[in-house]
Protein backbone atom coordinates (compact mmCIF):
# COMPACT_ATOMS: atom_id res chain seq x y z
CA MET A 1 -16.66 -3.93 3.63
CA VAL A 2 -15.82 -5.97 6.77
CA SER A 3 -19.41 -7.02 7.12
CA TRP A 4 -19.72 -8.33 3.66
CA ILE A 5 -16.44 -10.52 3.95
CA VAL A 6 -17.72 -12.09 7.24
CA ALA A 7 -21.41 -12.81 5.69
CA LEU A 8 -19.23 -14.50 2.45
CA TYR A 9 -17.33 -16.93 4.78
CA ALA A 10 -20.50 -17.42 6.43
CA LEU A 11 -22.26 -18.65 3.85
CA ILE A 12 -19.15 -21.09 2.31
CA ILE A 13 -19.27 -22.44 5.75
CA GLY A 14 -22.78 -23.24 6.33
CA VAL A 15 -23.51 -24.92 2.89
CA TRP A 16 -20.04 -27.00 2.58
CA TRP A 17 -19.76 -27.68 6.21
CA PRO A 18 -22.74 -30.73 6.22
CA ARG A 19 -21.90 -31.85 2.91
CA LEU A 20 -18.42 -31.92 3.48
CA HIS A 21 -18.73 -34.07 6.76
CA GLU A 22 -21.60 -36.32 5.36
CA TYR A 23 -19.57 -37.18 1.89
CA PHE A 24 -16.15 -38.00 4.00
CA ILE A 25 -18.07 -39.81 7.31
CA ASP A 26 -19.64 -42.01 4.49
CA ARG A 27 -16.51 -42.50 2.73
CA ASN A 28 -14.32 -43.52 6.15
CA LEU A 29 -17.03 -46.14 6.76
CA ALA A 30 -17.05 -47.72 3.54
CA GLY A 31 -13.11 -48.25 3.97
CA GLY A 32 -14.02 -49.63 7.87
CA ILE A 33 -12.55 -46.30 9.22
CA HIS A 34 -13.95 -44.46 11.87
CA ASP A 35 -11.47 -41.93 13.05
CA GLY A 36 -10.45 -38.49 11.27
CA GLY A 37 -13.79 -38.14 9.22
CA ASN A 38 -14.31 -34.68 10.67
CA ARG A 39 -10.52 -33.75 10.78
CA LEU A 40 -10.67 -34.29 6.39
CA ALA A 41 -13.92 -32.77 6.39
CA ALA A 42 -12.51 -29.64 7.81
CA ILE A 43 -8.81 -29.65 5.53
CA ALA A 44 -11.76 -29.59 2.43
CA LEU A 45 -13.50 -26.98 4.30
CA THR A 46 -10.38 -24.78 4.62
CA GLY A 47 -9.23 -25.42 1.00
CA HIS A 48 -12.88 -24.21 -0.39
CA MET A 49 -12.28 -21.12 1.51
CA CYS A 50 -8.43 -20.81 0.80
CA ASP A 51 -10.54 -20.79 -3.16
CA VAL A 52 -12.78 -17.57 -2.43
CA THR A 53 -9.76 -16.02 -0.75
CA MET A 54 -7.64 -16.17 -3.47
CA GLY A 55 -10.05 -15.21 -5.98
CA MET A 56 -10.34 -11.98 -3.57
CA VAL A 57 -7.11 -11.38 -3.78
CA LEU A 58 -6.78 -11.24 -7.02
CA VAL A 59 -9.59 -9.10 -7.85
CA PRO A 60 -8.69 -5.63 -6.40
CA ILE A 61 -4.81 -5.59 -8.30
CA SER A 62 -5.64 -4.42 -11.56
CA ARG A 63 -4.47 -0.81 -12.03
CA HIS A 64 -7.37 -0.57 -14.87
CA SER A 65 -9.71 -2.36 -12.27
CA ALA A 66 -13.60 -2.78 -12.72
CA LEU A 67 -13.84 -3.02 -9.21
CA ALA A 68 -12.22 0.45 -8.54
CA SER A 69 -14.06 1.92 -11.22
CA PHE A 70 -17.65 0.69 -10.43
CA PHE A 71 -17.20 1.43 -6.55
CA GLN A 72 -15.12 4.89 -6.61
CA LEU A 73 -12.09 3.12 -4.63
CA SER A 74 -8.91 5.16 -3.99
CA VAL A 75 -5.59 3.43 -4.67
CA SER A 76 -4.93 2.91 -1.06
CA THR A 77 -8.55 1.35 -0.16
CA THR A 78 -7.75 -1.25 -3.02
CA LEU A 79 -4.42 -2.24 -1.86
CA THR A 80 -5.85 -2.34 1.55
CA LEU A 81 -7.98 -4.64 0.07
CA HIS A 82 -5.37 -7.09 -1.44
CA MET A 83 -3.43 -6.61 1.75
CA LEU A 84 -6.03 -7.91 3.90
CA SER A 85 -7.40 -10.49 1.86
CA ALA A 86 -3.58 -11.83 0.93
CA TYR A 87 -2.61 -12.40 4.84
CA THR A 88 -6.43 -13.73 5.53
CA LEU A 89 -5.20 -16.41 2.76
CA PHE A 90 -2.16 -17.07 4.03
CA ALA A 91 -3.28 -17.63 7.49
CA LEU A 92 -6.26 -20.14 5.83
CA VAL A 93 -3.47 -21.67 4.02
CA LEU A 94 -1.23 -22.53 7.38
CA VAL A 95 -4.47 -23.48 8.87
CA HIS A 96 -5.42 -25.84 6.01
CA THR A 97 -1.61 -27.12 6.15
CA PHE A 98 -1.41 -27.84 10.18
CA LEU A 99 -4.80 -29.58 9.92
CA TYR A 100 -3.12 -31.90 6.69
CA VAL A 101 -0.29 -32.48 9.37
CA SER A 102 -2.36 -33.31 12.24
CA TRP A 103 -4.76 -36.26 10.15
CA VAL A 104 -0.99 -37.42 8.59
CA ALA A 105 -0.76 -38.43 12.67
CA VAL A 106 -4.03 -39.56 13.20
CA ILE A 107 -3.65 -42.10 10.09
CA ARG A 108 -0.07 -43.50 11.20
CA GLY A 109 -1.63 -44.30 14.63
CA MET A 110 -4.17 -46.76 12.30
CA SER A 111 -3.95 -50.42 11.59
CA ALA A 112 -1.96 -51.99 8.43
CA HIS A 113 -5.74 -51.93 6.62
CA ALA A 114 -6.70 -48.69 7.11
CA ARG A 115 -3.98 -47.26 5.69
CA LYS A 116 -4.49 -49.24 2.97
CA VAL A 117 -7.86 -47.18 2.37
CA LEU A 118 -6.67 -43.80 2.67
CA PRO A 119 -3.47 -42.68 0.88
CA VAL A 120 -1.01 -40.18 2.86
CA LEU A 121 -0.64 -38.04 -0.14
CA ASN A 122 -4.39 -37.38 -0.79
CA PRO A 123 -6.70 -38.67 1.40
CA THR A 124 -9.64 -36.79 -0.60
CA TYR A 125 -9.71 -40.02 -2.47
CA LEU A 126 -9.28 -43.68 -1.99
CA TYR A 127 -6.09 -45.74 -2.11
CA ASN A 128 -7.21 -47.68 -5.02
CA GLU A 129 -8.34 -44.23 -7.28
CA THR A 130 -4.88 -42.69 -7.12
CA TRP A 131 -1.91 -44.80 -5.96
CA PRO A 132 -0.31 -47.08 -7.39
CA GLY A 133 -0.81 -48.09 -10.96
CA ASN A 134 -3.99 -45.73 -11.37
CA THR A 135 -3.99 -45.24 -15.00
CA THR A 136 -6.64 -42.11 -15.75
CA SER A 137 -6.08 -38.82 -16.85
CA LEU A 138 -6.43 -37.62 -13.24
CA GLY A 139 -4.15 -40.36 -11.56
CA ILE A 140 -1.00 -38.52 -11.35
CA TRP A 141 -2.51 -35.33 -10.01
CA ARG A 142 -4.60 -36.97 -7.54
CA ALA A 143 -1.59 -39.09 -5.96
CA SER A 144 0.47 -35.66 -5.89
CA LEU A 145 -1.24 -32.68 -4.32
CA VAL A 146 0.43 -33.04 -1.24
CA PHE A 147 3.51 -31.93 -3.40
CA THR A 148 1.75 -28.91 -5.09
CA GLY A 149 0.32 -28.16 -1.58
CA PHE A 150 3.81 -27.57 -0.40
CA PHE A 151 5.13 -25.77 -3.11
CA ALA A 152 2.48 -23.35 -2.63
CA VAL A 153 2.98 -22.88 1.05
CA ILE A 154 6.81 -22.14 0.45
CA VAL A 155 5.54 -19.63 -1.87
CA MET A 156 3.21 -17.69 0.08
CA LEU A 157 6.08 -17.41 2.67
CA ILE A 158 8.48 -15.89 0.72
CA ILE A 159 5.93 -13.63 -0.53
CA SER A 160 4.90 -12.49 2.81
CA ILE A 161 8.14 -11.89 3.85
CA THR A 162 9.04 -9.87 1.40
CA THR A 163 5.69 -7.50 2.29
CA LEU A 164 6.85 -7.18 5.98
CA PRO A 165 6.86 -2.85 5.52
CA LYS A 166 10.47 -3.12 6.61
CA VAL A 167 11.42 -5.38 3.29
CA ARG A 168 8.81 -4.24 1.15
CA ARG A 169 10.24 0.02 1.59
CA LYS A 170 13.80 -1.19 1.73
CA HIS A 171 14.02 -3.50 -1.10
CA PHE A 172 10.66 -2.26 -3.02
CA ASN A 173 12.28 -4.05 -6.30
CA LEU A 174 12.45 -7.69 -4.46
CA PHE A 175 8.98 -6.96 -2.96
CA TYR A 176 7.51 -6.11 -6.97
CA PHE A 177 8.89 -8.62 -8.92
CA THR A 178 8.65 -11.04 -6.37
CA HIS A 179 4.81 -10.56 -6.49
CA LEU A 180 4.95 -10.17 -10.41
CA PHE A 181 5.93 -14.03 -10.76
CA SER A 182 3.73 -15.35 -8.15
CA ILE A 183 1.37 -15.78 -10.85
CA LEU A 184 3.57 -19.24 -11.36
CA MET A 185 2.03 -20.30 -8.00
CA VAL A 186 -1.29 -19.36 -8.66
CA ILE A 187 -0.91 -21.98 -11.94
CA VAL A 188 0.14 -24.57 -9.52
CA ILE A 189 -2.96 -24.13 -7.16
CA CYS A 190 -5.01 -24.61 -9.75
CA LEU A 191 -3.10 -27.93 -10.09
CA HIS A 192 -3.56 -28.64 -6.53
CA ALA A 193 -7.68 -28.24 -6.24
CA SER A 194 -9.31 -27.70 -9.66
CA THR A 195 -12.10 -25.49 -7.67
CA MET A 196 -9.30 -22.42 -7.61
CA LEU A 197 -9.42 -22.53 -11.23
CA TYR A 198 -13.08 -21.18 -11.09
CA CYS A 199 -12.59 -19.04 -7.86
CA THR A 200 -9.64 -16.92 -9.64
CA ALA A 201 -11.10 -17.02 -13.19
CA PRO A 202 -12.26 -13.34 -12.51
CA GLY A 203 -9.24 -11.51 -11.27
CA LEU A 204 -7.44 -13.80 -13.57
CA ALA A 205 -8.87 -12.54 -16.38
CA MET A 206 -9.01 -9.12 -15.24
CA TRP A 207 -5.25 -9.42 -14.39
CA CYS A 208 -4.57 -10.51 -17.96
CA LEU A 209 -6.49 -8.05 -19.85
CA ASP A 210 -4.74 -5.08 -17.18
CA TRP A 211 -1.25 -6.57 -18.24
CA SER A 212 -2.31 -5.91 -22.15
CA MET A 213 -3.47 -2.95 -21.40
CA ARG A 214 -0.34 -1.87 -19.93
CA LEU A 215 2.27 -3.37 -22.09
CA HIS A 216 0.20 -1.46 -25.01
CA GLU A 217 0.75 1.85 -23.51
CA LEU A 218 4.69 1.27 -22.43
CA LYS A 219 5.13 0.28 -25.99
CA LEU A 220 4.74 3.78 -27.20
CA LEU A 221 8.36 5.67 -26.68
CA LEU A 222 7.71 9.41 -26.22
CA TYR A 223 9.48 12.10 -26.50
CA GLY A 224 9.30 15.28 -24.34
CA GLU A 225 11.79 17.89 -22.32
CA LEU A 226 13.27 18.23 -18.76
CA SER A 227 13.47 21.55 -17.74
CA THR A 228 14.51 23.04 -14.02
CA PHE A 229 12.91 25.57 -11.80
CA GLY A 230 16.02 25.47 -9.57
CA ASN A 231 16.60 24.12 -5.62
CA GLY A 232 16.74 20.81 -7.00
CA TRP A 233 13.01 20.72 -8.89
CA TYR A 234 12.40 19.75 -12.07
CA CYS A 235 9.84 19.66 -14.67
CA ILE A 236 8.86 16.87 -16.96
CA THR A 237 6.85 17.92 -20.38
CA VAL A 238 5.59 15.51 -22.44
CA PRO A 239 3.07 14.99 -25.11
CA ILE A 240 0.24 12.34 -24.73
CA PRO A 241 -1.93 10.50 -27.53
CA ARG A 242 -5.09 11.96 -27.19
CA SER A 243 -6.80 8.52 -27.86
CA ARG A 244 -5.46 8.08 -23.82
CA LEU A 245 -8.65 9.60 -22.88
CA ALA A 246 -11.05 8.29 -24.87
CA GLY A 247 -13.74 7.18 -22.74
CA CYS A 248 -12.52 8.71 -19.48
CA SER A 249 -15.15 11.12 -18.12
CA CYS A 250 -11.81 13.03 -16.60
CA ARG A 251 -14.38 14.12 -13.51
CA SER A 252 -11.72 14.22 -11.55
CA PRO A 253 -8.58 16.62 -11.74
CA LEU A 254 -6.61 13.63 -10.17
CA ALA A 255 -4.59 11.50 -12.32
CA HIS A 256 -1.59 10.05 -12.34
CA PHE A 257 0.81 8.17 -14.49
CA PHE A 258 3.57 5.61 -13.96
CA ILE A 259 6.75 7.20 -15.63
CA HIS A 260 9.32 4.65 -17.07
CA HIS A 261 12.89 6.08 -18.38
CA GLY A 262 15.20 3.25 -19.56
CA ASP A 263 18.23 5.13 -19.36
CA SER A 264 17.55 5.02 -15.66
CA SER A 265 16.23 1.79 -14.96
CA THR A 266 15.59 -0.65 -17.31
CA ARG A 267 13.10 -2.39 -14.93
CA GLU A 268 11.39 0.50 -12.72
CA VAL A 269 8.11 2.64 -13.22
CA HIS A 270 7.39 5.35 -10.86
CA PRO A 271 3.89 6.81 -10.08
CA PHE A 272 3.61 10.52 -10.83
CA THR A 273 0.80 12.77 -9.95
CA THR A 274 0.78 14.92 -13.20
CA ILE A 275 0.15 18.93 -12.55
CA THR A 276 -1.96 19.34 -15.52
CA HIS A 277 -5.69 19.16 -15.09
CA LEU A 278 -6.05 16.51 -18.43
CA ALA A 279 -10.17 17.55 -18.78
CA THR A 280 -9.21 21.30 -19.30
CA LYS A 281 -6.29 20.58 -21.18
CA ASP A 282 -8.07 18.61 -23.78
CA ALA A 283 -11.04 20.87 -24.15
CA THR A 284 -8.21 23.66 -24.80
CA THR A 285 -6.33 21.55 -27.22
CA PRO A 286 -7.14 22.16 -31.14
CA ALA A 287 -9.62 19.62 -32.80
CA GLY A 288 -6.91 18.49 -35.12
CA ASN A 289 -4.11 17.96 -32.69
CA ASP A 290 -3.95 14.30 -31.91
CA GLU A 291 -1.44 14.93 -29.12
CA ILE A 292 -1.74 16.73 -25.62
CA LEU A 293 1.12 18.13 -23.82
CA ILE A 294 0.82 17.19 -19.65
CA GLN A 295 3.33 17.98 -17.05
CA PHE A 296 5.36 16.00 -13.82
CA LEU A 297 6.99 18.40 -11.14
CA PHE A 298 9.67 16.20 -9.42
CA ARG A 299 12.35 17.03 -6.88
CA LYS A 300 15.67 15.01 -6.79
CA VAL A 301 16.42 12.96 -4.09
CA VAL A 302 20.31 12.08 -3.96
CA ALA A 303 21.14 8.74 -1.90
CA ALA A 304 22.04 9.64 1.38
CA VAL A 305 25.87 9.73 2.16
CA PRO A 306 26.74 8.86 5.70
CA ASP A 307 28.40 12.04 7.58
CA PRO A 308 31.53 11.67 8.63
CA GLU A 309 31.34 13.57 11.52
CA SER A 310 28.34 11.63 12.55
CA MET A 311 30.24 8.50 12.10
CA ALA A 312 32.92 9.38 14.17
CA ARG A 313 30.50 10.08 16.96
CA ARG A 314 28.98 6.69 16.86
CA PRO A 315 29.38 3.99 19.14
CA TRP A 316 32.89 1.36 19.15
CA LEU A 317 30.21 -1.21 18.70
CA SER A 318 28.10 0.45 16.16
CA LYS A 319 31.23 1.09 14.05
CA ILE A 320 32.36 -2.74 13.94
CA CYS A 321 29.31 -3.84 12.97
CA SER A 322 29.55 -1.54 10.02
CA GLN A 323 32.34 -2.59 9.16
CA LEU A 324 31.38 -6.26 9.58
CA ARG A 325 28.52 -6.16 7.00
CA ARG A 326 30.75 -3.77 4.62
CA GLU A 327 27.43 -1.87 3.58
CA PRO A 328 27.67 -1.13 -0.24
CA ALA A 329 27.58 2.49 -1.00
CA LYS A 330 24.17 3.39 -1.90
CA SER A 331 23.13 3.95 -5.48
CA ALA A 332 21.73 6.94 -7.04
CA GLN A 333 17.95 7.58 -6.67
CA TRP A 334 15.71 7.01 -9.71
CA THR A 335 14.81 11.18 -9.77
CA GLU A 336 18.59 11.89 -9.31
CA LYS A 337 19.60 10.06 -12.52
CA ILE A 338 16.92 11.18 -14.60
CA ALA A 339 17.94 14.96 -13.66
CA SER A 340 21.46 14.44 -13.91
CA SER A 341 21.11 14.55 -17.74
CA LEU A 342 20.03 18.25 -17.22
CA ASP A 343 22.66 19.18 -14.72
CA HIS A 344 25.37 17.31 -16.70
CA GLU A 345 24.08 20.13 -19.43
CA ILE A 346 23.52 23.22 -17.44
CA ASP A 347 27.32 22.68 -16.39
CA GLN A 348 28.23 22.47 -19.91
CA ARG A 349 26.73 25.75 -20.97
CA SER A 350 27.52 27.28 -17.71
CA HIS A 351 31.38 26.80 -18.63
CA ALA A 352 30.50 27.93 -22.01
CA CYS A 353 28.85 31.23 -21.28
CA LEU A 354 31.62 32.03 -18.72
CA GLU A 355 34.13 31.42 -21.62
CA ARG A 356 32.36 33.86 -23.96
CA LYS A 357 30.77 36.22 -20.87
CA GLU A 358 27.51 35.35 -21.98
CA GLN A 359 24.40 34.70 -19.39
CA ILE A 360 23.27 31.19 -19.63
CA LEU A 361 19.48 31.31 -20.65
CA HIS A 362 16.94 28.71 -19.76
CA THR A 363 18.38 25.28 -20.20
CA SER A 364 16.15 22.00 -21.02
CA VAL A 365 17.00 18.64 -22.79
CA ASP A 366 15.18 16.28 -24.36
CA LEU A 367 13.84 13.00 -22.97
CA ALA A 368 12.72 10.09 -24.55
CA LEU A 369 10.13 7.93 -22.04
CA ARG A 370 6.90 5.60 -22.17
CA LEU A 371 3.93 6.23 -19.70
CA GLU A 372 1.54 4.06 -18.60
CA GLY A 373 -2.15 5.43 -17.77
CA PRO A 374 -3.86 7.95 -16.93
CA TYR A 375 -5.33 6.63 -13.73
CA PHE A 376 -7.64 8.90 -12.12
CA SER A 377 -8.59 9.47 -8.28
CA PRO A 378 -12.13 8.96 -7.22
CA ALA A 379 -12.16 12.74 -5.96
CA ASP A 380 -14.55 15.59 -7.33
CA PRO A 381 -14.02 18.59 -5.84
CA SER A 382 -16.32 20.76 -7.90
CA ARG A 383 -18.80 18.97 -5.66
CA TYR A 384 -17.60 21.22 -2.46
CA HIS A 385 -18.33 24.84 -1.89
CA THR A 386 -14.58 25.32 -0.18
CA VAL A 387 -11.78 23.23 -1.59
CA VAL A 388 -8.22 23.38 0.70
CA CYS A 389 -5.27 21.39 -0.63
CA LEU A 390 -2.62 20.60 2.33
CA VAL A 391 0.02 19.57 0.69
CA ALA A 392 3.73 19.35 1.35
CA GLY A 393 6.82 18.69 -0.36
CA THR A 394 6.36 17.47 -3.67
CA GLY A 395 2.38 16.86 -2.86
CA ILE A 396 2.42 20.16 -4.38
CA SER A 397 1.77 18.13 -8.08
CA GLY A 398 -2.15 17.41 -6.98
CA ALA A 399 -2.91 20.87 -5.56
CA ILE A 400 -1.32 22.46 -8.90
CA ALA A 401 -3.89 20.00 -10.70
CA ILE A 402 -6.98 20.82 -8.91
CA ALA A 403 -6.22 24.42 -9.10
CA GLY A 404 -6.34 24.26 -12.86
CA ALA A 405 -9.53 22.36 -12.21
CA PHE A 406 -10.83 25.48 -10.27
CA SER A 407 -9.66 28.11 -13.35
CA ALA A 408 -11.76 25.89 -15.86
CA LEU A 409 -14.62 26.19 -13.54
CA GLN A 410 -14.35 29.77 -12.66
CA THR A 411 -13.64 30.73 -16.32
CA SER A 412 -17.48 28.96 -17.48
CA HIS A 413 -19.32 30.66 -14.76
CA SER A 414 -18.00 33.94 -15.91
CA THR A 415 -18.58 32.93 -19.82
CA ALA A 416 -22.11 31.35 -18.62
CA ALA A 417 -22.75 34.10 -16.10
CA SER A 418 -24.64 36.89 -18.43
CA GLY A 419 -26.73 33.86 -19.77
CA ILE A 420 -28.43 32.30 -16.90
CA SER A 421 -30.68 33.26 -14.03
CA LYS A 422 -29.99 34.19 -10.23
CA SER A 423 -31.83 30.84 -9.62
CA ASP A 424 -29.60 28.50 -11.90
CA SER A 425 -26.41 30.28 -10.88
CA SER A 426 -26.71 28.36 -7.24
CA ARG A 427 -25.68 25.04 -9.21
CA PHE A 428 -21.82 26.37 -9.49
CA VAL A 429 -20.96 24.92 -6.25
CA TRP A 430 -17.13 25.78 -5.89
CA ARG A 431 -16.36 29.12 -4.87
CA ARG A 432 -13.15 28.69 -2.98
CA CYS A 433 -9.63 27.29 -3.38
CA VAL A 434 -6.53 27.59 -0.93
CA ILE A 435 -3.35 25.76 -1.15
CA VAL A 436 -1.87 25.30 2.02
CA TRP A 437 1.91 24.27 0.98
CA SER A 438 4.31 23.19 3.80
CA VAL A 439 7.85 22.78 2.20
CA ARG A 440 11.35 23.27 3.84
CA GLU A 441 13.02 26.87 3.31
CA LYS A 442 16.08 25.94 1.33
CA ASP A 443 13.58 23.64 -0.90
CA HIS A 444 11.15 26.87 -1.60
CA ILE A 445 10.90 27.97 -5.22
CA ASP A 446 8.00 30.13 -6.67
CA LEU A 447 4.95 28.80 -7.75
CA LEU A 448 3.32 31.31 -9.47
CA PRO A 449 4.54 30.49 -12.82
CA LEU A 450 2.85 27.21 -12.27
CA MET A 451 -0.37 28.44 -11.06
CA PRO A 452 -3.34 28.39 -13.75
CA THR A 453 -5.30 31.66 -12.17
CA SER A 454 -4.68 34.27 -9.89
CA GLU A 455 -8.02 33.43 -8.27
CA VAL A 456 -6.33 30.40 -6.10
CA GLU A 457 -5.95 31.40 -2.65
CA LEU A 458 -1.58 30.88 -2.15
CA GLN A 459 -0.40 30.21 1.39
CA VAL A 460 3.39 28.91 1.76
CA CYS A 461 4.27 27.68 5.11
CA LEU A 462 8.43 27.34 5.30
CA THR A 463 9.96 25.00 7.53
CA GLY A 464 13.45 24.12 8.53
CA PRO A 465 15.70 24.64 12.06
CA GLY A 466 14.16 27.10 14.04
CA LYS A 467 10.90 27.21 12.10
CA PRO A 468 7.42 26.12 13.51
CA ARG A 469 5.56 23.63 11.43
CA GLN A 470 2.42 23.87 10.15
CA ASP A 471 -0.47 24.20 12.12
CA ILE A 472 -3.42 22.66 10.46
CA THR A 473 -6.02 22.69 13.20
CA ALA A 474 -5.83 26.65 12.59
CA ILE A 475 -5.56 26.80 9.42
CA LEU A 476 -8.94 24.86 8.78
CA SER A 477 -10.32 26.82 11.65
CA GLU A 478 -9.61 30.12 9.94
CA ILE A 479 -10.72 29.03 6.69
CA THR A 480 -14.08 27.34 8.30
CA GLN A 481 -15.48 29.58 10.06
CA ASN A 482 -16.43 32.47 7.76
CA MET A 483 -18.01 30.04 5.62
CA PRO A 484 -22.05 30.63 4.82
CA PRO A 485 -24.50 28.49 6.03
CA ASN A 486 -24.50 24.78 4.68
CA ALA A 487 -21.50 25.62 2.54
CA THR A 488 -19.15 22.30 2.40
CA THR A 489 -15.57 21.78 2.82
CA TRP A 490 -12.97 19.51 1.55
CA ALA A 491 -9.72 18.64 1.74
CA TYR A 492 -7.12 17.15 -0.55
CA ILE A 493 -4.00 16.00 1.40
CA SER A 494 -0.63 14.93 0.01
CA GLY A 495 3.12 14.92 1.08
CA PRO A 496 5.11 12.36 3.00
CA LYS A 497 3.62 9.55 5.24
CA GLY A 498 3.76 11.18 8.71
CA PHE A 499 1.86 14.73 7.28
CA ILE A 500 -0.64 12.85 5.65
CA GLN A 501 -1.69 10.98 8.43
CA ASN A 502 -1.45 14.40 10.94
CA ALA A 503 -4.16 16.06 8.49
CA LYS A 504 -6.04 13.02 8.07
CA ARG A 505 -6.06 13.03 12.28
CA VAL A 506 -7.26 16.79 12.08
CA CYS A 507 -9.81 16.57 9.27
CA LYS A 508 -11.69 13.83 11.40
CA ALA A 509 -11.86 15.64 14.38
CA THR A 510 -13.13 18.36 12.11
CA SER A 511 -16.46 17.34 11.14
CA LYS A 512 -17.32 19.86 8.60
CA VAL A 513 -14.46 18.31 6.49
CA GLU A 514 -14.61 15.98 3.90
CA TYR A 515 -10.94 14.76 2.72
CA HIS A 516 -9.43 12.47 -0.18
CA ALA A 517 -5.41 11.46 1.10
CA ALA A 518 -3.34 10.76 -1.67
CA SER A 519 -1.24 7.64 -0.24
CA TRP A 520 0.60 5.28 -1.78
CA ASP A 521 1.44 3.55 1.23
CA ILE A 522 -0.43 1.35 3.88
């Protein structure tokens, strides 16, 4: 990918520099100016490079991205491409701006006659073509490019600050909505340079189509059910229109949706991987049903509250700074808000059952929400002999969906086994599925009710105070050592950032293991 981008920039420079250099040198000489031509050509060249780079920034951001679908790119890959292109764009914009500022110093040192030939506000045209008194339809825009340009630089600077990891993670809504309204900046840049419109047209078209599809999906209010498994774990069961799967090959068992719950937040949508294998659910749901049931598993996250004892042990200077800042209390997390409705219902029923001396039964509450998706990850575990799910915490969701795919495949194998020859049965590659779940002991729940088949090997590694961490190297070594010759292994990795990085490092060191990391961070 990097080599293609470098080749693209080399092509732009090779094609545009000779023409721009000749054009501005000739224009300056025609006006009696012998200095600054090379600098003007460099300003124009970096402007064209910004045009192309802006197009590269817009292409990968669509969730219904044709780029991601065609090249089978994961979410983290497309986000990384977007981030690198955006930082490259900002660097080129700064170079473009500094070249212009340096050219202003050059023209300030020229004679009064020379300064009347090329206007400071837009040196790409002659003075009599732009300012003052030009009555053509483009006269006002030709004279005002410097204003639109500096406006774009300021907006890009603000966006760049919000993308810094510390700012993005602590103030994600600020980061997200700043990005969302940056479309206004794109319009201003297209006014700044008409060539920008041609380069950004593909990305803008995909962006508009993507948002129309997303808003169409979010328009539908779905009514589901929220239930609990205990220890802060909750399950959302919701029917989705079967038409959502129309046109999807559903080869990957890994699919995620963006959930909007209006009672928890009017503006937030959160990505969740479904524990349902959509292809199996679609195949087993009667043809007359227009809806299929899917499930999401999540754990309630409670906003951190400072411990009085730990606050008392803090240095006196830290205490003073905290008092001066007067930090407001953290608001409840999104998962805490959505789970509170069920917790409140359980409390009410518990009190009622205690008064009547009855046992409380399984409790659930109705839930109204909106779903955007599904979005499938580019992973096909059925091509491998052994699939290992290295997951931690709520990363178990994707592993349960993979177990559903394994169960469906084993069922089809057993159904077809009597009617195929031994040679034909070799096309059934996927023979083993192992889930290794690392979870804190106080957060552990029984996953067997969620597992679609008993043929999946489930290993639970309980962590916490006084307990060792999961040894991924030993686990992979034990799983792969007794494999048949030429058998392939694939690992699905999901969990906290540190866990994912460690598991990726181990998989890279083990040459026999390919992997897919479900990461939302870059």
